[in-house]
PDB file of all heavy atoms in Angstrom:
ATOM      1  N   PRO A   1      -1.679   6.414  24.635  1.00  0.00           N
ATOM      2  CA  PRO A   1      -1.908   6.900  25.932  1.00  0.00           C
ATOM      3  C   PRO A   1      -3.159   7.686  26.009  1.00  0.00           C
ATOM      4  O   PRO A   1      -3.603   8.392  25.114  1.00  0.00           O
ATOM      5  CB  PRO A   1      -0.622   7.682  26.346  1.00  0.00           C
ATOM      6  CG  PRO A   1       0.405   7.185  25.509  1.00  0.00           C
ATOM      7  CD  PRO A   1      -0.278   6.776  24.208  1.00  0.00           C
ATOM      8  N   ASP A   2      -3.769   7.814  27.287  1.00  0.00           N
ATOM      9  CA  ASP A   2      -4.972   8.627  27.603  1.00  0.00           C
ATOM     10  C   ASP A   2      -6.094   8.077  26.749  1.00  0.00           C
ATOM     11  O   ASP A   2      -6.995   8.886  26.403  1.00  0.00           O
ATOM     12  CB  ASP A   2      -4.699  10.070  27.352  1.00  0.00           C
ATOM     13  CG  ASP A   2      -3.714  10.732  28.262  1.00  0.00           C
ATOM     14  OD1 ASP A   2      -3.544  10.222  29.393  1.00  0.00           O
ATOM     15  OD2 ASP A   2      -2.961  11.491  27.895  1.00  0.00           O
ATOM     16  N   ARG A   3      -6.180   6.881  26.510  1.00  0.00           N
ATOM     17  CA  ARG A   3      -7.305   6.201  25.692  1.00  0.00           C
ATOM     18  C   ARG A   3      -7.486   6.811  24.326  1.00  0.00           C
ATOM     19  O   ARG A   3      -8.630   6.813  23.772  1.00  0.00           O
ATOM     20  CB  ARG A   3      -8.573   6.374  26.505  1.00  0.00           C
ATOM     21  CG  ARG A   3      -8.577   5.631  27.871  1.00  0.00           C
ATOM     22  CD  ARG A   3      -9.812   5.680  28.640  1.00  0.00           C
ATOM     23  NE  ARG A   3     -10.289   7.079  28.901  1.00  0.00           N
ATOM     24  CZ  ARG A   3     -11.348   7.408  29.516  1.00  0.00           C
ATOM     25  NH1 ARG A   3     -12.296   6.574  29.826  1.00  0.00           N
ATOM     26  NH2 ARG A   3     -11.548   8.639  29.731  1.00  0.00           N
ATOM     27  N   ARG A   4      -6.390   7.306  23.818  1.00  0.00           N
ATOM     28  CA  ARG A   4      -6.609   7.899  22.436  1.00  0.00           C
ATOM     29  C   ARG A   4      -6.288   6.781  21.387  1.00  0.00           C
ATOM     30  O   ARG A   4      -5.647   5.771  21.670  1.00  0.00           O
ATOM     31  CB  ARG A   4      -5.509   9.037  22.133  1.00  0.00           C
ATOM     32  CG  ARG A   4      -5.612  10.202  23.184  1.00  0.00           C
ATOM     33  CD  ARG A   4      -6.861  10.978  22.792  1.00  0.00           C
ATOM     34  NE  ARG A   4      -6.957  12.217  23.582  1.00  0.00           N
ATOM     35  CZ  ARG A   4      -7.827  13.180  23.357  1.00  0.00           C
ATOM     36  NH1 ARG A   4      -8.657  13.179  22.297  1.00  0.00           N
ATOM     37  NH2 ARG A   4      -7.856  14.271  24.165  1.00  0.00           N
ATOM     38  N   VAL A   5      -6.960   7.017  20.200  1.00  0.00           N
ATOM     39  CA  VAL A   5      -6.708   6.000  19.181  1.00  0.00           C
ATOM     40  C   VAL A   5      -6.248   6.700  17.849  1.00  0.00           C
ATOM     41  O   VAL A   5      -6.710   7.886  17.619  1.00  0.00           O
ATOM     42  CB  VAL A   5      -7.985   5.226  18.957  1.00  0.00           C
ATOM     43  CG1 VAL A   5      -8.394   4.385  20.283  1.00  0.00           C
ATOM     44  CG2 VAL A   5      -9.151   6.111  18.643  1.00  0.00           C
ATOM     45  N   LEU A   6      -5.689   5.892  17.026  1.00  0.00           N
ATOM     46  CA  LEU A   6      -5.295   6.421  15.674  1.00  0.00           C
ATOM     47  C   LEU A   6      -5.815   5.343  14.679  1.00  0.00           C
ATOM     48  O   LEU A   6      -5.740   4.097  14.800  1.00  0.00           O
ATOM     49  CB  LEU A   6      -3.777   6.533  15.470  1.00  0.00           C
ATOM     50  CG  LEU A   6      -3.138   7.750  15.863  1.00  0.00           C
ATOM     51  CD1 LEU A   6      -1.706   7.701  15.650  1.00  0.00           C
ATOM     52  CD2 LEU A   6      -3.748   9.035  15.150  1.00  0.00           C
ATOM     53  N   VAL A   7      -6.575   5.830  13.628  1.00  0.00           N
ATOM     54  CA  VAL A   7      -7.099   4.975  12.619  1.00  0.00           C
ATOM     55  C   VAL A   7      -6.063   4.857  11.546  1.00  0.00           C
ATOM     56  O   VAL A   7      -5.644   5.842  10.972  1.00  0.00           O
ATOM     57  CB  VAL A   7      -8.429   5.516  12.046  1.00  0.00           C
ATOM     58  CG1 VAL A   7      -8.891   4.475  10.953  1.00  0.00           C
ATOM     59  CG2 VAL A   7      -9.469   5.558  13.225  1.00  0.00           C
ATOM     60  N   VAL A   8      -5.652   3.514  11.239  1.00  0.00           N
ATOM     61  CA  VAL A   8      -4.581   3.373  10.364  1.00  0.00           C
ATOM     62  C   VAL A   8      -5.104   2.353   9.283  1.00  0.00           C
ATOM     63  O   VAL A   8      -5.610   1.273   9.579  1.00  0.00           O
ATOM     64  CB  VAL A   8      -3.380   2.755  10.986  1.00  0.00           C
ATOM     65  CG1 VAL A   8      -2.295   2.514   9.938  1.00  0.00           C
ATOM     66  CG2 VAL A   8      -2.922   3.701  12.107  1.00  0.00           C
ATOM     67  N   ASP A   9      -5.057   2.736   8.029  1.00  0.00           N
ATOM     68  CA  ASP A   9      -5.542   1.894   6.845  1.00  0.00           C
ATOM     69  C   ASP A   9      -4.163   1.176   6.345  1.00  0.00           C
ATOM     70  O   ASP A   9      -3.294   1.824   6.000  1.00  0.00           O
ATOM     71  CB  ASP A   9      -6.242   2.753   5.837  1.00  0.00           C
ATOM     72  CG  ASP A   9      -6.738   1.754   4.741  1.00  0.00           C
ATOM     73  OD1 ASP A   9      -6.077   1.497   3.768  1.00  0.00           O
ATOM     74  OD2 ASP A   9      -7.948   1.443   4.832  1.00  0.00           O
ATOM     75  N   VAL A  10      -4.278  -0.095   6.197  1.00  0.00           N
ATOM     76  CA  VAL A  10      -3.174  -0.879   5.753  1.00  0.00           C
ATOM     77  C   VAL A  10      -3.501  -1.604   4.405  1.00  0.00           C
ATOM     78  O   VAL A  10      -2.801  -2.474   4.009  1.00  0.00           O
ATOM     79  CB  VAL A  10      -2.693  -1.820   6.792  1.00  0.00           C
ATOM     80  CG1 VAL A  10      -2.126  -1.081   8.016  1.00  0.00           C
ATOM     81  CG2 VAL A  10      -3.848  -2.792   7.138  1.00  0.00           C
ATOM     82  N   LYS A  11      -4.548  -1.023   3.775  1.00  0.00           N
ATOM     83  CA  LYS A  11      -4.953  -1.882   2.475  1.00  0.00           C
ATOM     84  C   LYS A  11      -4.673  -1.109   1.326  1.00  0.00           C
ATOM     85  O   LYS A  11      -5.402  -0.956   0.286  1.00  0.00           O
ATOM     86  CB  LYS A  11      -6.519  -2.052   2.518  1.00  0.00           C
ATOM     87  CG  LYS A  11      -6.966  -2.810   3.793  1.00  0.00           C
ATOM     88  CD  LYS A  11      -8.546  -3.025   3.899  1.00  0.00           C
ATOM     89  CE  LYS A  11      -8.893  -3.774   5.075  1.00  0.00           C
ATOM     90  NZ  LYS A  11     -10.430  -3.868   5.125  1.00  0.00           N
ATOM     91  N   THR A  12      -3.438  -0.563   1.309  1.00  0.00           N
ATOM     92  CA  THR A  12      -2.964   0.135   0.130  1.00  0.00           C
ATOM     93  C   THR A  12      -2.923  -0.759  -1.092  1.00  0.00           C
ATOM     94  O   THR A  12      -2.239  -1.870  -1.026  1.00  0.00           O
ATOM     95  CB  THR A  12      -1.663   0.861   0.329  1.00  0.00           C
ATOM     96  OG1 THR A  12      -1.679   1.659   1.435  1.00  0.00           O
ATOM     97  CG2 THR A  12      -1.297   1.676  -0.804  1.00  0.00           C
ATOM     98  N   PRO A  13      -3.557  -0.528  -2.255  1.00  0.00           N
ATOM     99  CA  PRO A  13      -3.471  -1.409  -3.357  1.00  0.00           C
ATOM    100  C   PRO A  13      -2.111  -1.314  -4.075  1.00  0.00           C
ATOM    101  O   PRO A  13      -1.630  -0.198  -4.343  1.00  0.00           O
ATOM    102  CB  PRO A  13      -4.558  -1.020  -4.234  1.00  0.00           C
ATOM    103  CG  PRO A  13      -4.788   0.440  -3.931  1.00  0.00           C
ATOM    104  CD  PRO A  13      -4.506   0.554  -2.470  1.00  0.00           C
ATOM    105  N   LEU A  14      -1.435  -2.469  -4.212  1.00  0.00           N
ATOM    106  CA  LEU A  14      -0.068  -2.500  -4.848  1.00  0.00           C
ATOM    107  C   LEU A  14       0.043  -3.264  -6.142  1.00  0.00           C
ATOM    108  O   LEU A  14       1.143  -3.564  -6.692  1.00  0.00           O
ATOM    109  CB  LEU A  14       0.907  -3.042  -3.727  1.00  0.00           C
ATOM    110  CG  LEU A  14       0.988  -2.278  -2.437  1.00  0.00           C
ATOM    111  CD1 LEU A  14       1.964  -3.063  -1.457  1.00  0.00           C
ATOM    112  CD2 LEU A  14       1.474  -0.895  -2.648  1.00  0.00           C
ATOM    113  N   ASP A  15      -1.071  -3.735  -6.556  1.00  0.00           N
ATOM    114  CA  ASP A  15      -1.122  -4.490  -7.815  1.00  0.00           C
ATOM    115  C   ASP A  15      -0.410  -3.873  -9.007  1.00  0.00           C
ATOM    116  O   ASP A  15       0.309  -4.465  -9.742  1.00  0.00           O
ATOM    117  CB  ASP A  15      -2.588  -5.013  -8.192  1.00  0.00           C
ATOM    118  CG  ASP A  15      -3.155  -5.786  -7.173  1.00  0.00           C
ATOM    119  OD1 ASP A  15      -2.379  -6.523  -6.331  1.00  0.00           O
ATOM    120  OD2 ASP A  15      -4.436  -5.940  -7.081  1.00  0.00           O
ATOM    121  N   ALA A  16      -0.750  -2.555  -9.243  1.00  0.00           N
ATOM    122  CA  ALA A  16      -0.178  -1.909 -10.433  1.00  0.00           C
ATOM    123  C   ALA A  16       1.390  -1.803 -10.249  1.00  0.00           C
ATOM    124  O   ALA A  16       2.076  -1.841 -11.247  1.00  0.00           O
ATOM    125  CB  ALA A  16      -0.796  -0.538 -10.518  1.00  0.00           C
ATOM    126  N   TYR A  17       1.765  -1.499  -8.929  1.00  0.00           N
ATOM    127  CA  TYR A  17       3.221  -1.449  -8.778  1.00  0.00           C
ATOM    128  C   TYR A  17       4.014  -2.764  -9.036  1.00  0.00           C
ATOM    129  O   TYR A  17       5.059  -2.699  -9.773  1.00  0.00           O
ATOM    130  CB  TYR A  17       3.558  -1.035  -7.313  1.00  0.00           C
ATOM    131  CG  TYR A  17       4.981  -0.851  -7.028  1.00  0.00           C
ATOM    132  CD1 TYR A  17       5.753   0.234  -7.378  1.00  0.00           C
ATOM    133  CD2 TYR A  17       5.719  -1.944  -6.503  1.00  0.00           C
ATOM    134  CE1 TYR A  17       7.162   0.404  -7.164  1.00  0.00           C
ATOM    135  CE2 TYR A  17       7.050  -1.879  -6.278  1.00  0.00           C
ATOM    136  CZ  TYR A  17       7.766  -0.733  -6.596  1.00  0.00           C
ATOM    137  OH  TYR A  17       9.101  -0.580  -6.328  1.00  0.00           O
ATOM    138  N   LEU A  18       3.364  -3.857  -8.620  1.00  0.00           N
ATOM    139  CA  LEU A  18       3.934  -5.192  -8.953  1.00  0.00           C
ATOM    140  C   LEU A  18       3.965  -5.530 -10.453  1.00  0.00           C
ATOM    141  O   LEU A  18       4.854  -6.072 -10.995  1.00  0.00           O
ATOM    142  CB  LEU A  18       3.139  -6.176  -8.222  1.00  0.00           C
ATOM    143  CG  LEU A  18       3.215  -6.181  -6.674  1.00  0.00           C
ATOM    144  CD1 LEU A  18       2.350  -7.188  -6.059  1.00  0.00           C
ATOM    145  CD2 LEU A  18       4.642  -6.222  -6.165  1.00  0.00           C
ATOM    146  N   GLU A  19       2.878  -4.990 -11.177  1.00  0.00           N
ATOM    147  CA  GLU A  19       2.901  -5.118 -12.682  1.00  0.00           C
ATOM    148  C   GLU A  19       3.955  -4.340 -13.273  1.00  0.00           C
ATOM    149  O   GLU A  19       4.626  -4.771 -14.242  1.00  0.00           O
ATOM    150  CB  GLU A  19       1.482  -4.588 -13.194  1.00  0.00           C
ATOM    151  CG  GLU A  19       0.403  -5.526 -12.874  1.00  0.00           C
ATOM    152  CD  GLU A  19      -0.931  -4.978 -13.340  1.00  0.00           C
ATOM    153  OE1 GLU A  19      -0.827  -3.970 -14.091  1.00  0.00           O
ATOM    154  OE2 GLU A  19      -1.944  -5.527 -13.073  1.00  0.00           O
ATOM    155  N   ALA A  20       4.281  -3.165 -12.630  1.00  0.00           N
ATOM    156  CA  ALA A  20       5.421  -2.359 -13.146  1.00  0.00           C
ATOM    157  C   ALA A  20       6.839  -3.054 -13.020  1.00  0.00           C
ATOM    158  O   ALA A  20       7.703  -3.056 -13.834  1.00  0.00           O
ATOM    159  CB  ALA A  20       5.397  -0.938 -12.615  1.00  0.00           C
ATOM    160  N   VAL A  21       6.867  -3.710 -11.907  1.00  0.00           N
ATOM    161  CA  VAL A  21       8.098  -4.405 -11.638  1.00  0.00           C
ATOM    162  C   VAL A  21       8.347  -5.570 -12.565  1.00  0.00           C
ATOM    163  O   VAL A  21       9.423  -5.916 -13.184  1.00  0.00           O
ATOM    164  CB  VAL A  21       8.054  -5.011 -10.215  1.00  0.00           C
ATOM    165  CG1 VAL A  21       9.367  -5.929  -9.988  1.00  0.00           C
ATOM    166  CG2 VAL A  21       8.080  -3.862  -9.202  1.00  0.00           C
ATOM    167  N   ASP A  22       7.268  -6.262 -12.985  1.00  0.00           N
ATOM    168  CA  ASP A  22       7.347  -7.355 -13.921  1.00  0.00           C
ATOM    169  C   ASP A  22       7.161  -6.906 -15.416  1.00  0.00           C
ATOM    170  O   ASP A  22       7.137  -7.758 -16.358  1.00  0.00           O
ATOM    171  CB  ASP A  22       6.226  -8.354 -13.654  1.00  0.00           C
ATOM    172  CG  ASP A  22       6.335  -8.923 -12.244  1.00  0.00           C
ATOM    173  OD1 ASP A  22       7.486  -9.096 -11.761  1.00  0.00           O
ATOM    174  OD2 ASP A  22       5.282  -9.385 -11.679  1.00  0.00           O
ATOM    175  N   ALA A  23       7.079  -5.643 -15.623  1.00  0.00           N
ATOM    176  CA  ALA A  23       6.982  -5.154 -17.053  1.00  0.00           C
ATOM    177  C   ALA A  23       8.174  -5.488 -17.934  1.00  0.00           C
ATOM    178  O   ALA A  23       9.343  -5.490 -17.566  1.00  0.00           O
ATOM    179  CB  ALA A  23       6.766  -3.693 -17.110  1.00  0.00           C
ATOM    180  N   LYS A  24       7.850  -5.893 -19.175  1.00  0.00           N
ATOM    181  CA  LYS A  24       8.993  -6.241 -20.104  1.00  0.00           C
ATOM    182  C   LYS A  24       9.584  -5.118 -20.772  1.00  0.00           C
ATOM    183  O   LYS A  24      10.729  -5.290 -21.280  1.00  0.00           O
ATOM    184  CB  LYS A  24       8.399  -7.230 -21.177  1.00  0.00           C
ATOM    185  CG  LYS A  24       7.625  -8.447 -20.631  1.00  0.00           C
ATOM    186  CD  LYS A  24       8.706  -9.369 -19.789  1.00  0.00           C
ATOM    187  CE  LYS A  24       8.002 -10.491 -19.273  1.00  0.00           C
ATOM    188  NZ  LYS A  24       8.943 -11.408 -18.486  1.00  0.00           N
ATOM    189  N   ASP A  25       8.963  -3.992 -20.834  1.00  0.00           N
ATOM    190  CA  ASP A  25       9.380  -2.829 -21.604  1.00  0.00           C
ATOM    191  C   ASP A  25       9.166  -1.510 -20.774  1.00  0.00           C
ATOM    192  O   ASP A  25       8.355  -1.557 -19.882  1.00  0.00           O
ATOM    193  CB  ASP A  25       8.991  -2.695 -23.060  1.00  0.00           C
ATOM    194  CG  ASP A  25       7.440  -2.696 -22.939  1.00  0.00           C
ATOM    195  OD1 ASP A  25       6.819  -1.598 -22.622  1.00  0.00           O
ATOM    196  OD2 ASP A  25       6.725  -3.736 -23.416  1.00  0.00           O
ATOM    197  N   GLU A  26       9.849  -0.475 -21.040  1.00  0.00           N
ATOM    198  CA  GLU A  26       9.672   0.746 -20.374  1.00  0.00           C
ATOM    199  C   GLU A  26       8.302   1.408 -20.437  1.00  0.00           C
ATOM    200  O   GLU A  26       7.828   1.952 -19.446  1.00  0.00           O
ATOM    201  CB  GLU A  26      10.799   1.728 -20.931  1.00  0.00           C
ATOM    202  CG  GLU A  26      10.760   3.030 -20.062  1.00  0.00           C
ATOM    203  CD  GLU A  26      11.171   2.896 -18.602  1.00  0.00           C
ATOM    204  OE1 GLU A  26      11.795   1.841 -18.391  1.00  0.00           O
ATOM    205  OE2 GLU A  26      10.756   3.684 -17.830  1.00  0.00           O
TER     206      GLU A  26
END
């Protein structure tokens, strides 16, 4: 409202997290 804006970045890198999910060992 009132012509206000919010800048939102949605490009959070998640590759390392997905690698952790697929990891074979701790």
